[in-house]
Amino acid sequence: RMAWFRQAPGKERDFVAAITVGGRATYYADSVKGRF
């Protein structure tokens, strides 16, 4: 399984999106849903 995280200066590392092994299921943080 794979994922993207991000870290802004002075902040903790936050989850962005994840994808299953075959790519058929994905999961997004609310802050990026519909844009990423």
PDB file of all heavy atoms in Angstrom:
ATOM      1  N   ARG A   1       0.864  -1.168   0.000  1.00  0.00           N
ATOM      2  CA  ARG A   1       0.000   0.000   0.000  1.00  0.00           C
ATOM      3  C   ARG A   1       0.908   1.228   0.000  1.00  0.00           C
ATOM      4  O   ARG A   1       1.976   1.219   0.593  1.00  0.00           O
ATOM      5  CB  ARG A   1      -0.888   0.013   1.241  1.00  0.00           C
ATOM      6  CG  ARG A   1      -1.932  -1.088   1.250  1.00  0.00           C
ATOM      7  CD  ARG A   1      -2.700  -1.084   2.536  1.00  0.00           C
ATOM      8  NE  ARG A   1      -3.665  -2.177   2.581  1.00  0.00           N
ATOM      9  CZ  ARG A   1      -4.330  -2.541   3.670  1.00  0.00           C
ATOM     10  NH1 ARG A   1      -4.138  -1.894   4.822  1.00  0.00           N
ATOM     11  NH2 ARG A   1      -5.183  -3.541   3.622  1.00  0.00           N
ATOM     12  N   MET A   2       0.444   2.298  -0.637  1.00  0.00           N
ATOM     13  CA  MET A   2       1.243   3.506  -0.761  1.00  0.00           C
ATOM     14  C   MET A   2       0.451   4.720  -0.281  1.00  0.00           C
ATOM     15  O   MET A   2      -0.792   4.706  -0.291  1.00  0.00           O
ATOM     16  CB  MET A   2       1.661   3.710  -2.213  1.00  0.00           C
ATOM     17  CG  MET A   2       2.476   2.587  -2.819  1.00  0.00           C
ATOM     18  SD  MET A   2       4.080   2.370  -2.015  1.00  0.00           S
ATOM     19  CE  MET A   2       4.879   3.938  -2.417  1.00  0.00           C
ATOM     20  N   ALA A   3       1.187   5.756   0.084  1.00  0.00           N
ATOM     21  CA  ALA A   3       0.522   6.956   0.577  1.00  0.00           C
ATOM     22  C   ALA A   3       1.399   8.178   0.347  1.00  0.00           C
ATOM     23  O   ALA A   3       2.609   8.064   0.119  1.00  0.00           O
ATOM     24  CB  ALA A   3       0.204   6.824   2.064  1.00  0.00           C
ATOM     25  N   TRP A   4       0.761   9.332   0.386  1.00  0.00           N
ATOM     26  CA  TRP A   4       1.443  10.614   0.404  1.00  0.00           C
ATOM     27  C   TRP A   4       1.139  11.304   1.737  1.00  0.00           C
ATOM     28  O   TRP A   4      -0.006  11.306   2.202  1.00  0.00           O
ATOM     29  CB  TRP A   4       0.952  11.511  -0.733  1.00  0.00           C
ATOM     30  CG  TRP A   4       1.387  11.078  -2.089  1.00  0.00           C
ATOM     31  CD1 TRP A   4       0.678  10.326  -2.988  1.00  0.00           C
ATOM     32  CD2 TRP A   4       2.640  11.368  -2.724  1.00  0.00           C
ATOM     33  NE1 TRP A   4       1.413  10.135  -4.126  1.00  0.00           N
ATOM     34  CE2 TRP A   4       2.617  10.768  -4.002  1.00  0.00           C
ATOM     35  CE3 TRP A   4       3.780  12.091  -2.350  1.00  0.00           C
ATOM     36  CZ2 TRP A   4       3.682  10.865  -4.887  1.00  0.00           C
ATOM     37  CZ3 TRP A   4       4.836  12.187  -3.232  1.00  0.00           C
ATOM     38  CH2 TRP A   4       4.783  11.577  -4.490  1.00  0.00           C
ATOM     39  N   PHE A   5       2.190  11.881   2.314  1.00  0.00           N
ATOM     40  CA  PHE A   5       2.070  12.730   3.491  1.00  0.00           C
ATOM     41  C   PHE A   5       2.715  14.069   3.158  1.00  0.00           C
ATOM     42  O   PHE A   5       3.449  14.191   2.172  1.00  0.00           O
ATOM     43  CB  PHE A   5       2.797  12.097   4.689  1.00  0.00           C
ATOM     44  CG  PHE A   5       2.084  10.906   5.286  1.00  0.00           C
ATOM     45  CD1 PHE A   5       2.108   9.670   4.663  1.00  0.00           C
ATOM     46  CD2 PHE A   5       1.379  11.040   6.474  1.00  0.00           C
ATOM     47  CE1 PHE A   5       1.446   8.575   5.206  1.00  0.00           C
ATOM     48  CE2 PHE A   5       0.718   9.950   7.038  1.00  0.00           C
ATOM     49  CZ  PHE A   5       0.756   8.729   6.404  1.00  0.00           C
ATOM     50  N   ARG A   6       2.475  15.066   3.991  1.00  0.00           N
ATOM     51  CA  ARG A   6       3.132  16.361   3.791  1.00  0.00           C
ATOM     52  C   ARG A   6       3.449  16.991   5.133  1.00  0.00           C
ATOM     53  O   ARG A   6       2.771  16.718   6.131  1.00  0.00           O
ATOM     54  CB  ARG A   6       2.278  17.293   2.945  1.00  0.00           C
ATOM     55  CG  ARG A   6       0.975  17.731   3.593  1.00  0.00           C
ATOM     56  CD  ARG A   6       0.137  18.529   2.602  1.00  0.00           C
ATOM     57  NE  ARG A   6      -1.105  19.015   3.181  1.00  0.00           N
ATOM     58  CZ  ARG A   6      -2.060  19.640   2.484  1.00  0.00           C
ATOM     59  NH1 ARG A   6      -1.886  19.867   1.175  1.00  0.00           N
ATOM     60  NH2 ARG A   6      -3.157  20.049   3.090  1.00  0.00           N
ATOM     61  N   GLN A   7       4.475  17.839   5.127  1.00  0.00           N
ATOM     62  CA  GLN A   7       4.884  18.506   6.349  1.00  0.00           C
ATOM     63  C   GLN A   7       5.224  19.957   6.039  1.00  0.00           C
ATOM     64  O   GLN A   7       6.152  20.227   5.277  1.00  0.00           O
ATOM     65  CB  GLN A   7       6.075  17.803   6.991  1.00  0.00           C
ATOM     66  CG  GLN A   7       6.435  18.332   8.362  1.00  0.00           C
ATOM     67  CD  GLN A   7       7.397  17.430   9.101  1.00  0.00           C
ATOM     68  OE1 GLN A   7       8.079  16.593   8.507  1.00  0.00           O
ATOM     69  NE2 GLN A   7       7.458  17.573  10.412  1.00  0.00           N
ATOM     70  N   ALA A   8       4.455  20.849   6.627  1.00  0.00           N
ATOM     71  CA  ALA A   8       4.717  22.286   6.497  1.00  0.00           C
ATOM     72  C   ALA A   8       5.696  22.712   7.583  1.00  0.00           C
ATOM     73  O   ALA A   8       5.820  22.043   8.624  1.00  0.00           O
ATOM     74  CB  ALA A   8       3.409  23.057   6.614  1.00  0.00           C
ATOM     75  N   PRO A   9       6.394  23.836   7.389  1.00  0.00           N
ATOM     76  CA  PRO A   9       7.367  24.293   8.388  1.00  0.00           C
ATOM     77  C   PRO A   9       6.720  24.480   9.754  1.00  0.00           C
ATOM     78  O   PRO A   9       5.668  25.107   9.882  1.00  0.00           O
ATOM     79  CB  PRO A   9       7.837  25.633   7.816  1.00  0.00           C
ATOM     80  CG  PRO A   9       7.635  25.519   6.358  1.00  0.00           C
ATOM     81  CD  PRO A   9       6.389  24.697   6.186  1.00  0.00           C
ATOM     82  N   GLY A  10       7.353  23.885  10.766  1.00  0.00           N
ATOM     83  CA  GLY A  10       6.867  24.031  12.123  1.00  0.00           C
ATOM     84  C   GLY A  10       5.652  23.208  12.472  1.00  0.00           C
ATOM     85  O   GLY A  10       5.087  23.352  13.563  1.00  0.00           O
ATOM     86  N   LYS A  11       5.231  22.338  11.556  1.00  0.00           N
ATOM     87  CA  LYS A  11       4.038  21.523  11.800  1.00  0.00           C
ATOM     88  C   LYS A  11       4.369  20.042  11.720  1.00  0.00           C
ATOM     89  O   LYS A  11       5.424  19.644  11.236  1.00  0.00           O
ATOM     90  CB  LYS A  11       2.942  21.877  10.793  1.00  0.00           C
ATOM     91  CG  LYS A  11       2.429  23.299  10.926  1.00  0.00           C
ATOM     92  CD  LYS A  11       1.227  23.533  10.044  1.00  0.00           C
ATOM     93  CE  LYS A  11       0.679  24.941  10.244  1.00  0.00           C
ATOM     94  NZ  LYS A  11      -0.520  25.181   9.387  1.00  0.00           N
ATOM     95  N   GLU A  12       3.434  19.224  12.198  1.00  0.00           N
ATOM     96  CA  GLU A  12       3.622  17.785  12.137  1.00  0.00           C
ATOM     97  C   GLU A  12       3.384  17.274  10.713  1.00  0.00           C
ATOM     98  O   GLU A  12       2.775  17.950   9.889  1.00  0.00           O
ATOM     99  CB  GLU A  12       2.646  17.101  13.100  1.00  0.00           C
ATOM    100  CG  GLU A  12       2.918  17.408  14.564  1.00  0.00           C
ATOM    101  CD  GLU A  12       2.002  16.624  15.478  1.00  0.00           C
ATOM    102  OE1 GLU A  12       1.063  15.986  14.990  1.00  0.00           O
ATOM    103  OE2 GLU A  12       2.240  16.664  16.706  1.00  0.00           O
ATOM    104  N   ARG A  13       3.857  16.064  10.462  1.00  0.00           N
ATOM    105  CA  ARG A  13       3.631  15.438   9.176  1.00  0.00           C
ATOM    106  C   ARG A  13       2.177  14.973   9.101  1.00  0.00           C
ATOM    107  O   ARG A  13       1.710  14.237   9.972  1.00  0.00           O
ATOM    108  CB  ARG A  13       4.586  14.266   8.992  1.00  0.00           C
ATOM    109  CG  ARG A  13       4.594  13.686   7.599  1.00  0.00           C
ATOM    110  CD  ARG A  13       5.747  12.698   7.426  1.00  0.00           C
ATOM    111  NE  ARG A  13       7.040  13.342   7.582  1.00  0.00           N
ATOM    112  CZ  ARG A  13       8.202  12.731   7.318  1.00  0.00           C
ATOM    113  NH1 ARG A  13       8.201  11.472   6.900  1.00  0.00           N
ATOM    114  NH2 ARG A  13       9.335  13.366   7.485  1.00  0.00           N
ATOM    115  N   ASP A  14       1.470  15.389   8.066  1.00  0.00           N
ATOM    116  CA  ASP A  14       0.049  15.096   7.915  1.00  0.00           C
ATOM    117  C   ASP A  14      -0.222  14.157   6.754  1.00  0.00           C
ATOM    118  O   ASP A  14       0.423  14.227   5.706  1.00  0.00           O
ATOM    119  CB  ASP A  14      -0.745  16.391   7.673  1.00  0.00           C
ATOM    120  CG  ASP A  14      -0.800  17.278   8.893  1.00  0.00           C
ATOM    121  OD1 ASP A  14      -0.721  16.753  10.028  1.00  0.00           O
ATOM    122  OD2 ASP A  14      -0.934  18.498   8.710  1.00  0.00           O
ATOM    123  N   PHE A  15      -1.227  13.338   6.934  1.00  0.00           N
ATOM    124  CA  PHE A  15      -1.682  12.432   5.883  1.00  0.00           C
ATOM    125  C   PHE A  15      -2.343  13.216   4.754  1.00  0.00           C
ATOM    126  O   PHE A  15      -3.083  14.179   5.003  1.00  0.00           O
ATOM    127  CB  PHE A  15      -2.671  11.433   6.475  1.00  0.00           C
ATOM    128  CG  PHE A  15      -3.399  10.594   5.466  1.00  0.00           C
ATOM    129  CD1 PHE A  15      -2.753   9.550   4.825  1.00  0.00           C
ATOM    130  CD2 PHE A  15      -4.714  10.859   5.144  1.00  0.00           C
ATOM    131  CE1 PHE A  15      -3.419   8.770   3.895  1.00  0.00           C
ATOM    132  CE2 PHE A  15      -5.390  10.088   4.224  1.00  0.00           C
ATOM    133  CZ  PHE A  15      -4.743   9.037   3.597  1.00  0.00           C
ATOM    134  N   VAL A  16      -2.086  12.798   3.515  1.00  0.00           N
ATOM    135  CA  VAL A  16      -2.709  13.420   2.349  1.00  0.00           C
ATOM    136  C   VAL A  16      -3.625  12.434   1.629  1.00  0.00           C
ATOM    137  O   VAL A  16      -4.804  12.701   1.425  1.00  0.00           O
ATOM    138  CB  VAL A  16      -1.638  13.950   1.373  1.00  0.00           C
ATOM    139  CG1 VAL A  16      -2.299  14.478   0.100  1.00  0.00           C
ATOM    140  CG2 VAL A  16      -0.792  15.025   2.035  1.00  0.00           C
ATOM    141  N   ALA A  17      -3.063  11.281   1.224  1.00  0.00           N
ATOM    142  CA  ALA A  17      -3.846  10.314   0.457  1.00  0.00           C
ATOM    143  C   ALA A  17      -3.180   8.949   0.515  1.00  0.00           C
ATOM    144  O   ALA A  17      -1.970   8.859   0.718  1.00  0.00           O
ATOM    145  CB  ALA A  17      -3.978  10.761  -0.996  1.00  0.00           C
ATOM    146  N   ALA A  18      -3.976   7.903   0.315  1.00  0.00           N
ATOM    147  CA  ALA A  18      -3.457   6.540   0.298  1.00  0.00           C
ATOM    148  C   ALA A  18      -4.144   5.739  -0.793  1.00  0.00           C
ATOM    149  O   ALA A  18      -5.255   6.083  -1.234  1.00  0.00           O
ATOM    150  CB  ALA A  18      -3.656   5.870   1.660  1.00  0.00           C
ATOM    151  N   ILE A  19      -3.491   4.655  -1.199  1.00  0.00           N
ATOM    152  CA  ILE A  19      -4.018   3.817  -2.275  1.00  0.00           C
ATOM    153  C   ILE A  19      -3.680   2.366  -1.984  1.00  0.00           C
ATOM    154  O   ILE A  19      -2.620   2.058  -1.433  1.00  0.00           O
ATOM    155  CB  ILE A  19      -3.451   4.270  -3.644  1.00  0.00           C
ATOM    156  CG1 ILE A  19      -4.168   3.586  -4.802  1.00  0.00           C
ATOM    157  CG2 ILE A  19      -1.943   4.051  -3.710  1.00  0.00           C
ATOM    158  CD1 ILE A  19      -3.871   4.240  -6.159  1.00  0.00           C
ATOM    159  N   THR A  20      -4.616   1.481  -2.335  1.00  0.00           N
ATOM    160  CA  THR A  20      -4.391   0.060  -2.088  1.00  0.00           C
ATOM    161  C   THR A  20      -3.412  -0.532  -3.092  1.00  0.00           C
ATOM    162  O   THR A  20      -2.990   0.117  -4.045  1.00  0.00           O
ATOM    163  CB  THR A  20      -5.725  -0.706  -2.160  1.00  0.00           C
ATOM    164  OG1 THR A  20      -6.385  -0.402  -3.401  1.00  0.00           O
ATOM    165  CG2 THR A  20      -6.631  -0.336  -0.996  1.00  0.00           C
ATOM    166  N   VAL A  21      -3.087  -1.799  -2.884  1.00  0.00           N
ATOM    167  CA  VAL A  21      -2.098  -2.496  -3.699  1.00  0.00           C
ATOM    168  C   VAL A  21      -2.461  -2.440  -5.186  1.00  0.00           C
ATOM    169  O   VAL A  21      -1.628  -2.108  -6.028  1.00  0.00           O
ATOM    170  CB  VAL A  21      -1.975  -3.951  -3.217  1.00  0.00           C
ATOM    171  CG1 VAL A  21      -1.218  -4.796  -4.220  1.00  0.00           C
ATOM    172  CG2 VAL A  21      -1.303  -4.019  -1.860  1.00  0.00           C
ATOM    173  N   GLY A  22      -3.710  -2.742  -5.506  1.00  0.00           N
ATOM    174  CA  GLY A  22      -4.133  -2.772  -6.902  1.00  0.00           C
ATOM    175  C   GLY A  22      -4.609  -1.437  -7.427  1.00  0.00           C
ATOM    176  O   GLY A  22      -4.886  -1.311  -8.630  1.00  0.00           O
ATOM    177  N   GLY A  23      -4.735  -0.459  -6.540  1.00  0.00           N
ATOM    178  CA  GLY A  23      -5.164   0.868  -6.962  1.00  0.00           C
ATOM    179  C   GLY A  23      -6.656   1.065  -7.072  1.00  0.00           C
ATOM    180  O   GLY A  23      -7.126   2.117  -7.510  1.00  0.00           O
ATOM    181  N   ARG A  24      -7.432   0.048  -6.636  1.00  0.00           N
ATOM    182  CA  ARG A  24      -8.887   0.173  -6.810  1.00  0.00           C
ATOM    183  C   ARG A  24      -9.555   0.969  -5.701  1.00  0.00           C
ATOM    184  O   ARG A  24     -10.699   1.407  -5.845  1.00  0.00           O
ATOM    185  CB  ARG A  24      -9.510  -1.223  -6.911  1.00  0.00           C
ATOM    186  CG  ARG A  24      -9.279  -1.876  -8.255  1.00  0.00           C
ATOM    187  CD  ARG A  24      -9.804  -3.296  -8.303  1.00  0.00           C
ATOM    188  NE  ARG A  24      -8.978  -4.199  -7.506  1.00  0.00           N
ATOM    189  CZ  ARG A  24      -9.171  -5.506  -7.452  1.00  0.00           C
ATOM    190  NH1 ARG A  24     -10.150  -6.051  -8.108  1.00  0.00           N
ATOM    191  NH2 ARG A  24      -8.377  -6.261  -6.722  1.00  0.00           N
ATOM    192  N   ALA A  25      -8.866   1.153  -4.596  1.00  0.00           N
ATOM    193  CA  ALA A  25      -9.432   1.936  -3.494  1.00  0.00           C
ATOM    194  C   ALA A  25      -8.460   3.039  -3.108  1.00  0.00           C
ATOM    195  O   ALA A  25      -7.241   2.834  -3.070  1.00  0.00           O
ATOM    196  CB  ALA A  25      -9.736   1.051  -2.295  1.00  0.00           C
ATOM    197  N   THR A  26      -9.010   4.216  -2.820  1.00  0.00           N
ATOM    198  CA  THR A  26      -8.212   5.361  -2.402  1.00  0.00           C
ATOM    199  C   THR A  26      -8.862   6.032  -1.198  1.00  0.00           C
ATOM    200  O   THR A  26     -10.050   5.815  -0.921  1.00  0.00           O
ATOM    201  CB  THR A  26      -8.085   6.393  -3.540  1.00  0.00           C
ATOM    202  OG1 THR A  26      -9.402   6.784  -3.969  1.00  0.00           O
ATOM    203  CG2 THR A  26      -7.318   5.835  -4.716  1.00  0.00           C
ATOM    204  N   TYR A  27      -8.076   6.825  -0.520  1.00  0.00           N
ATOM    205  CA  TYR A  27      -8.550   7.484   0.699  1.00  0.00           C
ATOM    206  C   TYR A  27      -7.832   8.819   0.796  1.00  0.00           C
ATOM    207  O   TYR A  27      -6.624   8.890   0.575  1.00  0.00           O
ATOM    208  CB  TYR A  27      -8.221   6.582   1.894  1.00  0.00           C
ATOM    209  CG  TYR A  27      -8.599   7.110   3.249  1.00  0.00           C
ATOM    210  CD1 TYR A  27      -9.879   7.581   3.516  1.00  0.00           C
ATOM    211  CD2 TYR A  27      -7.682   7.111   4.296  1.00  0.00           C
ATOM    212  CE1 TYR A  27     -10.218   8.042   4.767  1.00  0.00           C
ATOM    213  CE2 TYR A  27      -8.020   7.570   5.553  1.00  0.00           C
ATOM    214  CZ  TYR A  27      -9.295   8.036   5.783  1.00  0.00           C
ATOM    215  OH  TYR A  27      -9.636   8.476   7.033  1.00  0.00           O
ATOM    216  N   TYR A  28      -8.591   9.895   1.105  1.00  0.00           N
ATOM    217  CA  TYR A  28      -8.038  11.230   1.102  1.00  0.00           C
ATOM    218  C   TYR A  28      -8.315  11.962   2.404  1.00  0.00           C
ATOM    219  O   TYR A  28      -9.361  11.777   3.033  1.00  0.00           O
ATOM    220  CB  TYR A  28      -8.647  12.056  -0.036  1.00  0.00           C
ATOM    221  CG  TYR A  28      -8.312  11.535  -1.411  1.00  0.00           C
ATOM    222  CD1 TYR A  28      -9.159  10.640  -2.062  1.00  0.00           C
ATOM    223  CD2 TYR A  28      -7.156  11.944  -2.069  1.00  0.00           C
ATOM    224  CE1 TYR A  28      -8.853  10.154  -3.318  1.00  0.00           C
ATOM    225  CE2 TYR A  28      -6.840  11.469  -3.329  1.00  0.00           C
ATOM    226  CZ  TYR A  28      -7.692  10.571  -3.948  1.00  0.00           C
ATOM    227  OH  TYR A  28      -7.383  10.098  -5.201  1.00  0.00           O
ATOM    228  N   ALA A  29      -7.401  12.850   2.745  1.00  0.00           N
ATOM    229  CA  ALA A  29      -7.678  13.787   3.821  1.00  0.00           C
ATOM    230  C   ALA A  29      -8.758  14.749   3.347  1.00  0.00           C
ATOM    231  O   ALA A  29      -8.829  15.081   2.158  1.00  0.00           O
ATOM    232  CB  ALA A  29      -6.413  14.551   4.187  1.00  0.00           C
ATOM    233  N   ASP A  30      -9.583  15.217   4.270  1.00  0.00           N
ATOM    234  CA  ASP A  30     -10.667  16.121   3.908  1.00  0.00           C
ATOM    235  C   ASP A  30     -10.140  17.385   3.239  1.00  0.00           C
ATOM    236  O   ASP A  30     -10.799  17.944   2.356  1.00  0.00           O
ATOM    237  CB  ASP A  30     -11.472  16.499   5.151  1.00  0.00           C
ATOM    238  CG  ASP A  30     -12.329  15.353   5.659  1.00  0.00           C
ATOM    239  OD1 ASP A  30     -12.558  14.387   4.903  1.00  0.00           O
ATOM    240  OD2 ASP A  30     -12.761  15.416   6.813  1.00  0.00           O
ATOM    241  N   SER A  31      -8.962  17.823   3.624  1.00  0.00           N
ATOM    242  CA  SER A  31      -8.419  19.087   3.121  1.00  0.00           C
ATOM    243  C   SER A  31      -8.057  19.029   1.635  1.00  0.00           C
ATOM    244  O   SER A  31      -7.908  20.075   0.997  1.00  0.00           O
ATOM    245  CB  SER A  31      -7.190  19.489   3.936  1.00  0.00           C
ATOM    246  OG  SER A  31      -6.205  18.474   3.870  1.00  0.00           O
ATOM    247  N   VAL A  32      -7.892  17.829   1.084  1.00  0.00           N
ATOM    248  CA  VAL A  32      -7.495  17.710  -0.324  1.00  0.00           C
ATOM    249  C   VAL A  32      -8.532  16.998  -1.174  1.00  0.00           C
ATOM    250  O   VAL A  32      -8.385  16.913  -2.397  1.00  0.00           O
ATOM    251  CB  VAL A  32      -6.135  16.997  -0.472  1.00  0.00           C
ATOM    252  CG1 VAL A  32      -5.076  17.675   0.383  1.00  0.00           C
ATOM    253  CG2 VAL A  32      -6.251  15.512  -0.128  1.00  0.00           C
ATOM    254  N   LYS A  33      -9.579  16.495  -0.544  1.00  0.00           N
ATOM    255  CA  LYS A  33     -10.590  15.724  -1.264  1.00  0.00           C
ATOM    256  C   LYS A  33     -11.211  16.578  -2.366  1.00  0.00           C
ATOM    257  O   LYS A  33     -11.577  17.737  -2.149  1.00  0.00           O
ATOM    258  CB  LYS A  33     -11.653  15.253  -0.278  1.00  0.00           C
ATOM    259  CG  LYS A  33     -12.461  14.067  -0.723  1.00  0.00           C
ATOM    260  CD  LYS A  33     -13.374  13.582   0.395  1.00  0.00           C
ATOM    261  CE  LYS A  33     -12.572  13.055   1.571  1.00  0.00           C
ATOM    262  NZ  LYS A  33     -13.445  12.524   2.647  1.00  0.00           N
ATOM    263  N   GLY A  34     -11.294  16.017  -3.576  1.00  0.00           N
ATOM    264  CA  GLY A  34     -11.859  16.739  -4.710  1.00  0.00           C
ATOM    265  C   GLY A  34     -10.844  17.561  -5.479  1.00  0.00           C
ATOM    266  O   GLY A  34     -11.134  18.030  -6.580  1.00  0.00           O
ATOM    267  N   ARG A  35      -9.652  17.747  -4.911  1.00  0.00           N
ATOM    268  CA  ARG A  35      -8.598  18.526  -5.597  1.00  0.00           C
ATOM    269  C   ARG A  35      -7.403  17.657  -5.971  1.00  0.00           C
ATOM    270  O   ARG A  35      -6.757  17.901  -6.987  1.00  0.00           O
ATOM    271  CB  ARG A  35      -8.120  19.669  -4.698  1.00  0.00           C
ATOM    272  CG  ARG A  35      -9.196  20.666  -4.321  1.00  0.00           C
ATOM    273  CD  ARG A  35      -8.619  21.868  -3.591  1.00  0.00           C
ATOM    274  NE  ARG A  35      -7.967  21.503  -2.333  1.00  0.00           N
ATOM    275  CZ  ARG A  35      -6.700  21.769  -2.045  1.00  0.00           C
ATOM    276  NH1 ARG A  35      -5.932  22.396  -2.914  1.00  0.00           N
ATOM    277  NH2 ARG A  35      -6.190  21.418  -0.869  1.00  0.00           N
ATOM    278  N   PHE A  36      -7.076  16.684  -5.140  1.00  0.00           N
ATOM    279  CA  PHE A  36      -5.919  15.807  -5.360  1.00  0.00           C
ATOM    280  C   PHE A  36      -6.390  14.423  -5.774  1.00  0.00           C
ATOM    281  O   PHE A  36      -7.443  13.953  -5.324  1.00  0.00           O
ATOM    282  CB  PHE A  36      -5.092  15.676  -4.088  1.00  0.00           C
ATOM    283  CG  PHE A  36      -4.350  16.920  -3.656  1.00  0.00           C
ATOM    284  CD1 PHE A  36      -4.578  18.147  -4.251  1.00  0.00           C
ATOM    285  CD2 PHE A  36      -3.403  16.840  -2.642  1.00  0.00           C
ATOM    286  CE1 PHE A  36      -3.893  19.282  -3.850  1.00  0.00           C
ATOM    287  CE2 PHE A  36      -2.704  17.965  -2.229  1.00  0.00           C
ATOM    288  CZ  PHE A  36      -2.955  19.191  -2.827  1.00  0.00           C
TER     289      PHE A  36
END
